[in-house]
Protein backbone atom coordinates (compact mmCIF):
# COMPACT_ATOMS: atom_id res chain seq x y z
CA MET A 1 31.64 -31.03 -48.25
CA THR A 2 34.73 -28.44 -48.56
CA ASP A 3 35.11 -25.83 -46.30
CA ARG A 4 36.45 -23.20 -48.11
CA ILE A 5 34.94 -22.93 -51.61
CA PRO A 6 36.98 -21.02 -54.47
CA LEU A 7 34.87 -18.80 -56.50
CA LYS A 8 34.73 -19.21 -60.15
CA ARG A 9 31.78 -17.87 -61.91
CA ALA A 10 29.10 -15.37 -60.18
CA LEU A 11 25.28 -14.44 -61.02
CA ILE A 12 25.42 -10.33 -60.93
CA SER A 13 21.47 -8.91 -61.40
CA VAL A 14 21.10 -5.77 -59.11
CA SER A 15 18.51 -2.97 -58.60
CA ASP A 16 20.33 -0.62 -56.46
CA LYS A 17 23.82 -0.81 -58.54
CA THR A 18 25.83 1.27 -55.65
CA GLY A 19 29.52 -0.13 -56.23
CA LEU A 20 28.11 -2.36 -58.35
CA ILE A 21 31.30 -1.83 -60.53
CA ASP A 22 34.36 -1.13 -58.14
CA PHE A 23 33.04 -4.58 -56.50
CA ALA A 24 32.48 -6.84 -60.13
CA ARG A 25 36.08 -5.35 -61.08
CA ALA A 26 37.61 -6.51 -58.02
CA LEU A 27 35.71 -9.95 -58.66
CA ALA A 28 36.77 -10.02 -62.26
CA SER A 29 40.38 -9.35 -62.29
CA ARG A 30 40.42 -12.42 -59.50
CA GLY A 31 39.51 -14.59 -62.37
CA VAL A 32 35.84 -14.70 -61.16
CA GLU A 33 33.42 -15.18 -64.86
CA LEU A 34 30.71 -13.07 -65.00
CA LEU A 35 27.15 -13.54 -65.86
CA SER A 36 24.36 -11.19 -65.53
CA THR A 37 21.30 -10.03 -66.43
CA GLY A 38 19.38 -6.73 -68.24
CA GLY A 39 20.37 -3.45 -66.50
CA THR A 40 23.53 -4.83 -64.95
CA ALA A 41 24.74 -6.43 -67.91
CA LYS A 42 24.77 -2.86 -69.70
CA ALA A 43 26.11 -1.63 -67.07
CA LEU A 44 29.02 -3.74 -66.20
CA ARG A 45 29.75 -3.88 -70.00
CA GLU A 46 29.81 -0.23 -70.43
CA ALA A 47 32.30 -0.29 -67.70
CA GLY A 48 34.62 -2.55 -69.75
CA LEU A 49 33.74 -5.59 -68.64
CA SER A 50 33.61 -9.06 -69.60
CA VAL A 51 29.90 -10.07 -69.16
CA ILE A 52 28.18 -13.10 -70.04
CA ASP A 53 24.25 -12.50 -70.70
CA VAL A 54 22.32 -15.25 -68.41
CA ALA A 55 20.31 -15.86 -71.74
CA GLN A 56 23.18 -16.94 -73.71
CA VAL A 57 23.02 -19.30 -71.09
CA THR A 58 19.44 -20.69 -70.33
CA GLY A 59 19.47 -20.18 -74.86
CA PHE A 60 16.14 -18.30 -73.67
CA PRO A 61 15.80 -14.86 -73.84
CA GLU A 62 14.68 -12.28 -71.08
CA MET A 63 10.77 -11.96 -72.26
CA MET A 64 7.45 -10.66 -70.58
CA ASP A 65 8.87 -6.95 -69.49
CA GLY A 66 11.74 -8.94 -67.89
CA ARG A 67 9.03 -10.70 -65.62
CA VAL A 68 11.47 -14.03 -66.82
CA LYS A 69 15.01 -14.25 -67.50
CA THR A 70 16.48 -16.47 -64.55
CA LEU A 71 13.31 -18.67 -63.81
CA HIS A 72 15.19 -21.74 -65.71
CA PRO A 73 16.80 -25.06 -64.45
CA VAL A 74 19.97 -23.78 -65.71
CA VAL A 75 20.25 -21.07 -63.30
CA HIS A 76 18.95 -23.17 -60.21
CA GLY A 77 20.87 -26.43 -61.42
CA GLY A 78 23.80 -24.27 -60.67
CA LEU A 79 23.18 -22.64 -58.26
CA LEU A 80 21.26 -25.54 -56.10
CA ALA A 81 23.29 -28.21 -57.08
CA LEU A 82 25.67 -30.82 -54.64
CA ARG A 83 29.40 -30.15 -55.97
CA ASP A 84 30.00 -33.49 -52.96
CA ASN A 85 27.33 -35.27 -54.68
CA ALA A 86 27.63 -37.63 -57.92
CA GLU A 87 24.38 -37.67 -58.58
CA HIS A 88 23.93 -34.22 -58.81
CA MET A 89 26.86 -33.54 -60.79
CA ALA A 90 26.27 -36.07 -63.27
CA ALA A 91 22.77 -34.75 -64.14
CA ALA A 92 24.84 -30.96 -64.71
CA ASN A 93 26.88 -32.19 -67.29
CA SER A 94 24.21 -34.14 -68.88
CA HIS A 95 22.32 -30.81 -69.29
CA GLY A 96 25.00 -28.55 -69.62
CA ILE A 97 24.56 -26.60 -66.41
CA GLY A 98 27.89 -25.13 -64.86
CA MET A 99 27.91 -23.95 -61.23
CA ILE A 100 27.51 -20.60 -60.03
CA ASP A 101 29.40 -20.26 -57.23
CA LEU A 102 28.42 -16.85 -56.00
CA LEU A 103 25.31 -15.12 -56.48
CA VAL A 104 24.85 -11.31 -56.21
CA VAL A 105 21.29 -10.01 -56.51
CA ASN A 106 19.23 -6.79 -54.42
CA LEU A 107 15.87 -6.79 -54.89
CA TYR A 108 13.10 -4.63 -57.14
CA PRO A 109 12.48 -1.48 -54.83
CA PHE A 110 9.00 -2.45 -54.01
CA GLU A 111 9.18 -0.98 -50.12
CA GLU A 112 10.80 2.30 -51.83
CA THR A 113 7.79 1.91 -54.18
CA VAL A 114 5.09 1.89 -52.20
CA ALA A 115 6.67 4.75 -49.70
CA LYS A 116 6.86 6.63 -52.52
CA GLY A 117 2.66 6.61 -52.75
CA ALA A 118 2.96 4.80 -56.01
CA ASP A 119 -0.13 2.72 -57.41
CA TYR A 120 -1.81 -0.32 -56.96
CA ASP A 121 0.08 -1.51 -60.56
CA ASP A 122 3.27 0.07 -60.45
CA CYS A 123 3.37 -1.90 -56.37
CA ILE A 124 2.27 -5.20 -58.42
CA GLU A 125 5.15 -4.60 -60.91
CA ASN A 126 7.82 -3.89 -58.26
CA ILE A 127 7.83 -7.39 -56.42
CA ASP A 128 11.11 -9.25 -57.44
CA ILE A 129 10.16 -12.90 -58.14
CA GLY A 130 13.35 -14.56 -59.68
CA GLY A 131 15.89 -12.42 -57.38
CA PRO A 132 14.13 -14.65 -54.32
CA ALA A 133 14.23 -18.07 -55.87
CA MET A 134 17.64 -17.25 -56.63
CA ILE A 135 18.34 -15.42 -53.17
CA ARG A 136 16.90 -18.63 -51.23
CA ALA A 137 18.20 -21.40 -53.63
CA ALA A 138 22.03 -19.64 -53.33
CA SER A 139 21.42 -19.67 -49.41
CA LYS A 140 19.57 -23.02 -49.14
CA ASN A 141 23.06 -24.37 -51.27
CA HIS A 142 25.21 -22.21 -48.76
CA ALA A 143 27.46 -25.44 -48.53
CA PHE A 144 28.84 -24.50 -52.03
CA VAL A 145 27.55 -21.26 -52.73
CA THR A 146 28.33 -17.65 -51.24
CA VAL A 147 25.71 -15.32 -51.32
CA VAL A 148 25.34 -11.40 -51.15
CA VAL A 149 22.07 -9.37 -50.75
CA ASP A 150 23.65 -5.91 -49.68
CA VAL A 151 25.97 -3.72 -51.13
CA GLN A 152 27.48 -3.35 -47.44
CA ASP A 153 29.02 -6.70 -48.04
CA TYR A 154 30.66 -5.98 -50.98
CA ALA A 155 33.95 -5.19 -48.79
CA ALA A 156 33.16 -8.34 -46.18
CA VAL A 157 33.49 -10.45 -49.66
CA LEU A 158 36.65 -9.18 -50.88
CA ALA A 159 38.01 -9.19 -47.32
CA GLU A 160 37.41 -12.93 -47.35
CA LEU A 161 39.20 -13.54 -50.91
CA ASP A 162 41.88 -11.14 -50.00
CA GLY A 163 44.85 -14.12 -48.28
CA ASN A 164 42.75 -16.97 -48.71
CA ASP A 165 43.08 -17.74 -52.17
CA ASP A 166 40.02 -16.14 -53.34
CA THR A 167 37.77 -18.70 -51.69
CA THR A 168 35.49 -17.85 -49.30
CA SER A 169 34.49 -20.50 -46.00
CA TYR A 170 31.62 -22.36 -44.78
CA VAL A 171 30.98 -19.18 -41.32
CA PHE A 172 31.32 -16.73 -44.28
CA ARG A 173 28.68 -18.93 -46.33
CA GLN A 174 26.63 -19.39 -43.25
CA ARG A 175 26.39 -15.66 -42.56
CA GLN A 176 25.52 -15.01 -45.66
CA ALA A 177 23.51 -16.68 -46.03
CA GLN A 178 21.17 -16.30 -43.04
CA ILE A 179 21.32 -12.42 -44.15
CA ALA A 180 19.50 -13.87 -47.33
CA TYR A 181 17.18 -15.35 -45.71
CA ALA A 182 16.22 -12.39 -43.23
CA ARG A 183 16.70 -10.47 -46.63
CA THR A 184 13.37 -12.35 -48.30
CA ALA A 185 11.59 -12.43 -45.51
CA ALA A 186 11.00 -9.42 -44.95
CA TYR A 187 10.52 -8.62 -48.41
CA ASP A 188 7.92 -10.47 -48.62
CA ALA A 189 6.54 -9.41 -45.23
CA ALA A 190 6.28 -6.52 -46.73
CA VAL A 191 4.85 -6.91 -49.65
CA SER A 192 2.30 -9.10 -47.37
CA ALA A 193 1.58 -6.09 -45.05
CA TRP A 194 1.33 -3.71 -48.32
CA MET A 195 -1.44 -5.91 -49.86
CA ALA A 196 -3.41 -6.67 -46.66
CA GLN A 197 -3.30 -2.72 -46.57
CA ALA A 198 -4.47 -2.78 -50.31
CA ILE A 199 -7.36 -4.53 -50.06
CA GLY A 200 -8.93 -3.53 -46.91
CA GLU A 201 -7.25 -6.75 -44.77
CA ALA A 202 -7.56 -5.25 -40.77
CA THR A 203 -6.51 -9.26 -39.68
CA PRO A 204 -4.95 -11.22 -42.35
CA ARG A 205 -4.42 -14.83 -41.52
CA ARG A 206 -0.58 -14.31 -40.91
CA ARG A 207 1.02 -11.06 -40.06
CA SER A 208 5.12 -10.12 -40.43
CA PHE A 209 7.06 -7.54 -39.02
CA SER A 210 10.69 -6.47 -40.02
CA GLY A 211 13.75 -4.44 -39.62
CA GLU A 212 17.38 -3.66 -40.45
CA LEU A 213 19.43 -3.21 -37.50
CA ALA A 214 20.31 -0.18 -37.18
CA GLN A 215 22.50 0.10 -33.79
CA THR A 216 23.19 -3.14 -31.38
CA LEU A 217 23.23 -2.13 -27.90
CA ARG A 218 25.16 -2.17 -25.03
CA TYR A 219 22.25 -4.03 -22.80
CA GLY A 220 18.09 -3.11 -22.92
CA GLU A 221 16.29 -1.66 -20.04
CA ASN A 222 18.39 -3.73 -17.53
CA PRO A 223 23.06 -4.49 -18.11
CA HIS A 224 21.53 -8.12 -17.97
CA GLN A 225 19.30 -7.86 -21.29
CA SER A 226 21.02 -7.90 -24.76
CA ALA A 227 19.12 -5.72 -27.32
CA ALA A 228 19.70 -4.18 -30.74
CA PHE A 229 17.66 -1.13 -31.93
CA TYR A 230 16.16 -2.39 -35.78
CA LYS A 231 14.53 0.60 -38.39
CA ASP A 232 10.88 -0.56 -40.29
CA GLY A 233 11.90 1.02 -43.25
CA SER A 234 9.11 3.82 -42.82
CA ASP A 235 9.77 7.59 -43.48
CA ARG A 236 8.30 8.45 -39.82
CA PRO A 237 9.96 11.46 -38.45
CA GLY A 238 11.43 10.11 -35.29
CA VAL A 239 14.48 8.89 -33.18
CA ALA A 240 14.68 6.42 -36.09
CA THR A 241 15.06 9.00 -39.25
CA ALA A 242 16.87 11.53 -36.82
CA LYS A 243 20.17 12.78 -37.38
CA GLN A 244 21.82 12.68 -34.27
CA TRP A 245 24.99 15.30 -34.05
CA GLN A 246 26.89 15.03 -31.20
CA GLY A 247 27.13 12.80 -27.40
CA LYS A 248 27.54 8.81 -27.28
CA GLU A 249 25.22 6.54 -28.62
CA LEU A 250 21.56 5.61 -27.59
CA SER A 251 21.04 3.83 -25.58
CA TYR A 252 18.03 1.25 -25.80
CA ASN A 253 15.59 3.59 -22.49
CA ASN A 254 17.19 6.42 -24.45
CA ILE A 255 16.06 5.27 -27.69
CA ASN A 256 12.46 4.53 -26.01
CA ASP A 257 11.82 7.90 -24.16
CA THR A 258 13.07 9.33 -27.06
CA ASP A 259 10.07 8.58 -29.78
CA ALA A 260 7.71 9.01 -26.81
CA ALA A 261 8.50 12.52 -26.43
CA PHE A 262 8.32 13.28 -29.66
CA GLU A 263 5.14 11.56 -30.33
CA LEU A 264 3.86 14.02 -27.82
CA VAL A 265 5.45 16.99 -28.48
CA ALA A 266 4.45 16.64 -32.45
CA GLU A 267 0.52 16.85 -30.77
CA PHE A 268 0.88 20.79 -30.83
CA ASP A 269 1.25 22.29 -33.75
CA PRO A 270 3.84 24.54 -34.74
CA ALA A 271 1.84 27.48 -36.68
CA GLY A 272 -0.01 27.57 -32.57
CA GLY A 273 3.67 27.80 -31.43
CA PRO A 274 6.52 26.51 -29.73
CA ALA A 275 6.25 23.71 -27.91
CA VAL A 276 8.16 21.26 -25.33
CA ALA A 277 7.78 17.94 -23.90
CA ILE A 278 10.18 16.63 -21.59
CA ILE A 279 10.07 12.59 -20.70
CA LYS A 280 11.01 10.51 -18.01
CA HIS A 281 10.85 7.14 -17.75
CA ALA A 282 8.32 7.06 -20.78
CA ASN A 283 5.65 9.50 -19.03
CA PRO A 284 6.13 13.61 -19.64
CA CYS A 285 6.62 15.64 -16.26
CA GLY A 286 5.92 18.32 -18.51
CA VAL A 287 4.44 19.66 -21.28
CA ALA A 288 3.88 23.52 -21.79
CA ARG A 289 3.34 25.93 -24.74
CA GLY A 290 5.06 29.52 -25.05
CA THR A 291 5.55 32.32 -26.92
CA THR A 292 9.51 31.34 -27.25
CA ALA A 293 10.88 28.13 -27.61
CA VAL A 294 12.22 28.76 -24.71
CA GLU A 295 9.00 30.15 -22.11
CA ALA A 296 7.53 26.30 -22.92
CA TYR A 297 11.07 25.12 -21.79
CA ARG A 298 10.86 27.11 -19.08
CA ARG A 299 6.98 26.01 -18.43
CA ALA A 300 7.25 22.82 -18.66
CA TYR A 301 10.59 22.25 -16.37
CA ASP A 302 8.53 24.18 -13.49
CA CYS A 303 5.21 21.51 -13.79
CA ASP A 304 8.41 19.11 -11.88
CA ARG A 305 11.48 20.06 -11.92
CA THR A 306 13.20 17.00 -10.05
CA SER A 307 12.04 14.31 -12.69
CA ALA A 308 13.15 16.46 -15.62
CA PHE A 309 16.64 16.01 -13.90
CA GLY A 310 18.23 13.68 -16.89
CA GLY A 311 14.79 13.29 -18.50
CA ILE A 312 14.02 13.43 -22.93
CA VAL A 313 13.71 16.92 -24.21
CA ALA A 314 11.44 17.19 -27.53
CA LEU A 315 10.71 20.49 -29.17
CA ASN A 316 8.40 21.06 -31.58
CA CYS A 317 10.41 24.25 -32.95
CA THR A 318 14.07 24.77 -34.47
CA LEU A 319 16.20 24.52 -31.28
CA ASP A 320 17.12 28.08 -30.78
CA ALA A 321 20.69 29.29 -28.82
CA GLU A 322 18.53 30.67 -26.11
CA THR A 323 16.49 27.28 -25.00
CA ALA A 324 20.20 25.52 -25.54
CA ARG A 325 21.57 27.72 -22.84
CA ALA A 326 18.35 26.83 -20.38
CA ILE A 327 18.30 23.00 -20.99
CA THR A 328 21.99 23.10 -20.16
CA GLU A 329 21.13 24.67 -16.66
CA ILE A 330 20.65 20.85 -15.63
CA PHE A 331 21.86 17.55 -16.62
CA THR A 332 19.62 16.35 -19.77
CA GLU A 333 20.15 12.79 -21.62
CA VAL A 334 18.83 13.72 -25.00
CA VAL A 335 17.27 16.88 -26.75
CA ILE A 336 15.09 16.42 -30.08
CA ALA A 337 13.35 19.17 -32.51
CA PRO A 338 13.14 18.76 -35.62
CA ASP A 339 15.93 21.15 -36.46
CA ALA A 340 18.64 23.37 -34.31
CA THR A 341 20.91 26.35 -34.96
CA GLU A 342 23.79 25.97 -35.56
CA GLU A 343 24.94 28.33 -32.25
CA ALA A 344 22.82 25.90 -30.75
CA ARG A 345 25.14 23.15 -31.39
CA GLU A 346 28.04 25.26 -30.38
CA ILE A 347 26.78 25.35 -26.39
CA PHE A 348 25.26 21.94 -26.78
CA ALA A 349 28.87 20.34 -28.01
CA ALA A 350 30.26 21.96 -24.64
CA LYS A 351 28.17 18.83 -23.21
CA LYS A 352 29.53 15.84 -24.36
CA ASN A 353 27.40 13.61 -22.64
CA LEU A 354 24.34 15.25 -24.37
CA ARG A 355 23.07 13.55 -27.25
CA LEU A 356 21.14 15.95 -30.17
CA LEU A 357 19.07 14.50 -32.49
CA THR A 358 17.55 17.13 -35.23
CA THR A 359 15.04 14.94 -37.71
CA GLY A 360 13.95 17.42 -40.38
CA GLY A 361 10.37 17.47 -39.37
CA LEU A 362 7.50 16.50 -37.37
CA PRO A 363 5.93 12.64 -37.62
CA ASP A 364 1.81 13.74 -38.11
CA PRO A 365 -0.28 12.41 -35.32
CA THR A 366 -3.28 11.79 -36.79
CA ALA A 367 -1.62 9.17 -39.42
CA ALA A 368 -2.38 5.57 -39.25
CA GLY A 369 0.18 3.38 -38.70
CA THR A 370 0.68 0.43 -36.47
CA SER A 371 1.58 -0.98 -33.17
CA PHE A 372 2.19 -4.58 -31.53
CA ARG A 373 3.55 -5.63 -28.54
CA GLN A 374 4.96 -9.30 -27.73
CA VAL A 375 2.99 -11.33 -25.16
CA ALA A 376 3.69 -15.48 -24.51
CA GLY A 377 2.90 -17.30 -27.06
CA GLY A 378 2.00 -14.25 -30.15
CA PHE A 379 1.85 -10.42 -30.73
CA LEU A 380 -0.45 -8.15 -30.28
CA VAL A 381 -1.19 -5.87 -33.04
CA GLN A 382 -3.43 -2.87 -32.99
CA GLY A 383 -3.88 0.70 -35.01
CA ARG A 384 -1.77 3.33 -34.11
CA ASP A 385 -3.86 5.99 -31.62
CA ASN A 386 -4.37 8.61 -33.53
CA GLY A 387 -8.16 9.37 -32.08
CA HIS A 388 -8.17 13.20 -32.06
CA VAL A 389 -11.09 15.78 -30.55
CA LYS A 390 -12.17 19.18 -32.00
CA ARG A 391 -13.72 21.22 -29.73
CA GLU A 392 -16.88 20.91 -31.44
CA ASP A 393 -16.97 17.35 -30.98
CA LEU A 394 -16.99 17.89 -26.94
CA LYS A 395 -19.95 17.85 -24.67
CA VAL A 396 -20.74 19.69 -21.27
CA VAL A 397 -22.65 17.34 -19.18
CA THR A 398 -22.38 19.52 -15.97
CA LYS A 399 -24.22 22.84 -15.41
CA ARG A 400 -21.28 25.13 -15.32
CA GLN A 401 -20.33 25.72 -19.13
CA PRO A 402 -16.66 25.70 -19.16
CA SER A 403 -15.09 28.98 -20.06
CA ALA A 404 -12.93 29.80 -23.85
CA GLU A 405 -10.09 29.23 -21.29
CA GLU A 406 -10.55 26.56 -19.50
CA LEU A 407 -11.90 24.79 -22.72
CA ASP A 408 -8.36 26.04 -24.69
CA ASP A 409 -6.58 23.84 -21.12
CA LEU A 410 -9.06 21.06 -21.40
CA LEU A 411 -7.91 20.29 -25.06
CA PHE A 412 -4.23 21.23 -23.89
CA ALA A 413 -4.58 18.42 -21.15
CA TRP A 414 -6.55 16.03 -23.05
CA THR A 415 -4.16 15.94 -25.45
CA VAL A 416 -1.21 15.50 -23.15
CA ALA A 417 -2.88 12.27 -21.47
CA LYS A 418 -2.78 10.32 -24.65
CA HIS A 419 0.36 9.96 -23.99
CA VAL A 420 0.36 9.17 -20.04
CA LYS A 421 0.66 5.88 -18.60
CA SER A 422 -2.97 4.31 -17.61
CA ASN A 423 -4.21 5.47 -15.16
CA ALA A 424 -3.44 8.95 -16.44
CA ILE A 425 -4.77 12.47 -14.38
CA VAL A 426 -3.05 15.58 -15.92
CA TYR A 427 -3.67 19.09 -14.82
CA VAL A 428 -3.54 21.67 -16.84
CA LYS A 429 -3.38 25.79 -16.08
CA ASP A 430 -2.46 28.18 -18.86
CA GLY A 431 -1.15 25.67 -21.50
CA ALA A 432 1.19 24.06 -19.65
CA THR A 433 1.05 21.17 -17.46
CA VAL A 434 1.18 21.95 -13.98
CA GLY A 435 0.74 18.14 -12.54
CA VAL A 436 1.05 14.25 -13.96
CA GLY A 437 -0.37 11.58 -12.24
CA ALA A 438 0.91 8.47 -14.21
CA GLY A 439 0.82 4.71 -14.14
CA GLN A 440 -1.25 3.61 -11.32
CA MET A 441 -3.69 1.19 -10.18
CA SER A 442 -6.13 4.03 -9.21
CA ARG A 443 -7.08 6.58 -10.75
CA VAL A 444 -7.51 8.48 -7.32
CA ASP A 445 -3.97 7.49 -7.19
CA SER A 446 -3.16 8.94 -9.90
CA THR A 447 -5.29 12.57 -9.38
CA ARG A 448 -3.29 12.57 -5.64
CA ILE A 449 0.53 12.47 -6.69
CA GLY A 450 -0.53 15.16 -9.89
CA LYS A 451 -1.78 17.03 -7.15
CA ARG A 452 1.22 16.42 -4.13
CA LYS A 453 3.42 17.29 -7.13
CA SER A 454 1.72 20.38 -7.99
CA GLU A 455 2.65 21.28 -4.28
CA ASP A 456 5.65 20.62 -3.96
CA MET A 457 7.16 22.91 -6.90
CA ALA A 458 4.43 25.83 -5.21
CA GLU A 459 7.08 25.45 -3.12
CA ALA A 460 10.23 25.19 -4.72
CA LEU A 461 8.84 28.26 -6.79
CA GLY A 462 7.53 29.91 -4.13
CA LEU A 463 4.01 30.62 -4.96
CA ASP A 464 1.56 30.87 -2.23
CA GLN A 465 -0.40 28.17 -3.53
CA PRO A 466 0.09 24.70 -5.85
CA LEU A 467 -1.15 25.65 -9.69
CA THR A 468 -3.41 23.24 -10.02
CA ILE A 469 -6.31 25.81 -8.27
CA GLY A 470 -8.19 27.06 -10.83
CA SER A 471 -6.68 24.28 -13.28
CA ALA A 472 -8.53 22.29 -15.78
CA VAL A 473 -7.98 18.57 -15.93
CA SER A 474 -7.85 15.80 -18.13
CA SER A 475 -8.76 12.13 -17.07
CA ASP A 476 -7.66 9.34 -20.20
CA ALA A 477 -10.62 6.96 -19.06
CA PHE A 478 -13.84 7.70 -17.35
CA PHE A 479 -14.31 7.95 -14.12
CA PRO A 480 -15.99 4.49 -12.09
CA PHE A 481 -17.21 6.75 -8.85
CA ALA A 482 -17.88 10.53 -7.68
CA ASP A 483 -14.77 9.99 -5.06
CA GLY A 484 -12.00 11.04 -8.49
CA ILE A 485 -13.97 13.99 -9.17
CA GLU A 486 -14.65 14.85 -5.17
CA ALA A 487 -9.97 14.05 -5.59
CA LEU A 488 -10.26 16.83 -8.29
CA ALA A 489 -12.03 19.29 -6.81
CA ALA A 490 -9.83 18.93 -3.57
CA ALA A 491 -7.08 19.69 -5.96
CA GLY A 492 -8.52 22.58 -6.46
CA ALA A 493 -9.41 21.91 -10.85
CA LYS A 494 -12.33 23.31 -11.47
CA ALA A 495 -13.27 22.37 -15.54
CA VAL A 496 -12.78 18.43 -16.12
CA ILE A 497 -12.74 16.53 -19.66
CA GLN A 498 -12.85 12.65 -19.90
CA PRO A 499 -14.64 10.02 -22.13
CA GLY A 500 -17.34 9.53 -20.45
CA GLY A 501 -18.91 6.69 -20.86
CA SER A 502 -19.57 4.58 -17.15
CA MET A 503 -22.21 3.22 -15.18
CA ARG A 504 -22.02 6.11 -12.76
CA ASP A 505 -21.68 8.67 -15.09
CA ALA A 506 -24.64 10.23 -13.72
CA GLU A 507 -23.57 10.03 -9.60
CA VAL A 508 -20.11 11.81 -11.29
CA ILE A 509 -22.13 14.27 -13.19
CA GLU A 510 -24.01 14.99 -9.45
CA ALA A 511 -20.65 15.14 -8.00
CA ALA A 512 -19.23 17.81 -10.47
CA ASP A 513 -22.76 20.40 -10.46
CA ARG A 514 -22.40 19.73 -6.39
CA LEU A 515 -19.00 20.94 -6.32
CA GLY A 516 -18.85 23.48 -9.24
CA LEU A 517 -17.11 21.96 -11.97
CA ALA A 518 -17.41 22.03 -14.95
CA MET A 519 -16.87 18.86 -16.83
CA VAL A 520 -17.07 17.61 -20.34
CA PHE A 521 -17.02 14.27 -21.87
CA THR A 522 -15.00 13.00 -25.16
CA GLY A 523 -16.55 9.90 -26.05
CA GLN A 524 -12.93 8.41 -26.91
CA ARG A 525 -10.44 7.25 -24.18
CA HIS A 526 -6.51 7.05 -25.21
CA PHE A 527 -6.05 4.32 -22.44
CA ARG A 528 -1.83 3.37 -22.90
CA HIS A 529 -0.46 0.83 -21.29
């Protein structure tokens, strides 16, 4: 094997023709012979380039609506032959197989077809067969063949050729082969995932996930951990699709927390008014609605001002100037919203370390989806927690009925608790969180932490009493014992929402009745680990 291989003959067959003409013209100017197929050959000819049809080389026309055009020994022999193997070259000469030194292929737009909501048959027609076969052949033979599957690598190929007598190095070909194999793996993963969903196979025998590098990160959760951010190609509005207007690059923790913040605030329909969520370490430290965005922000901020410092702020509406000014009163890492006014962006421009992201929309909290988590030796897969309860779904289990206002706050608290690490307790009053207890081993501990945070804020705000008094409370899972209810009553809560389902539900209900609390069951829980 020779380290540097000259490019004399290229086969180009691309679906995405971005940059095609300039790239092909640059190759032709270097004396590279161009082979091509179908629409690619037509585009090259129209640009005045000399092109040889693959059908002319194989002796077979494109047939079956283009399904068969490159699946031929003349093509694959030209890609797979080992140039330093006398037997391979003798066979090639015997059968008139010319060598192919460069393969440029990007695949049928299967992922885009699925994303458009195309029907089953249309999706099937957009599964590429010849492309992946050629890519794999060229990649396997990277000792002699250069393969390109991404438009963004055209410039890299030309840079490699420049100053190197129009040759590519083995290291360069290795890198391109790795990129190519990752592309075909991602393509097959997309096809298999779509087909599993299309036929209703919830737990396919094999499952693959793929992503495209969006950003190499300085480090992960800690400086000694390497990290990167990959996009999965979906169009769900969020940090992966957002436009960053300013500020330094997002960190691993920024991305994780921003995603948590935006997914939470999206639970609140903008038609019901502005909502703001403030997140710290993936847990909400304040969530509120308001008649204006700035009112919602200030109410969310007043839940836990200490934790809000250096946090992530998410809005379900356009960020305006008044809200932007309020946010800049303390240090904030990231602000994410569907949109931001020009004046708001100008206000943030003075805060060079603050990142502003706009997404153009909100993710649908009811949409189905898949999440996965790595464990030693494998990974866990589950559906996205898109569970919701409505007022008519609630079952009142206590003697005291909750008031209409309490029901509103109970549903608000339930929505927030879905996004709090278990064990989760969320106190709400008048459409704003007033205490959050998260991630404790004991539900009673979470209850006490939420109460203590409310007491601290009451002191900071100069209130006569903590806002947990008279509040509505959500628990993400059932109370196994009456002690949790007793702790809530001690905090001043008057209404409770919880899934129910404990062996001691009767004991818990009796405690609520004894303490004068209203309690409703949802029949649904929201563990978040």
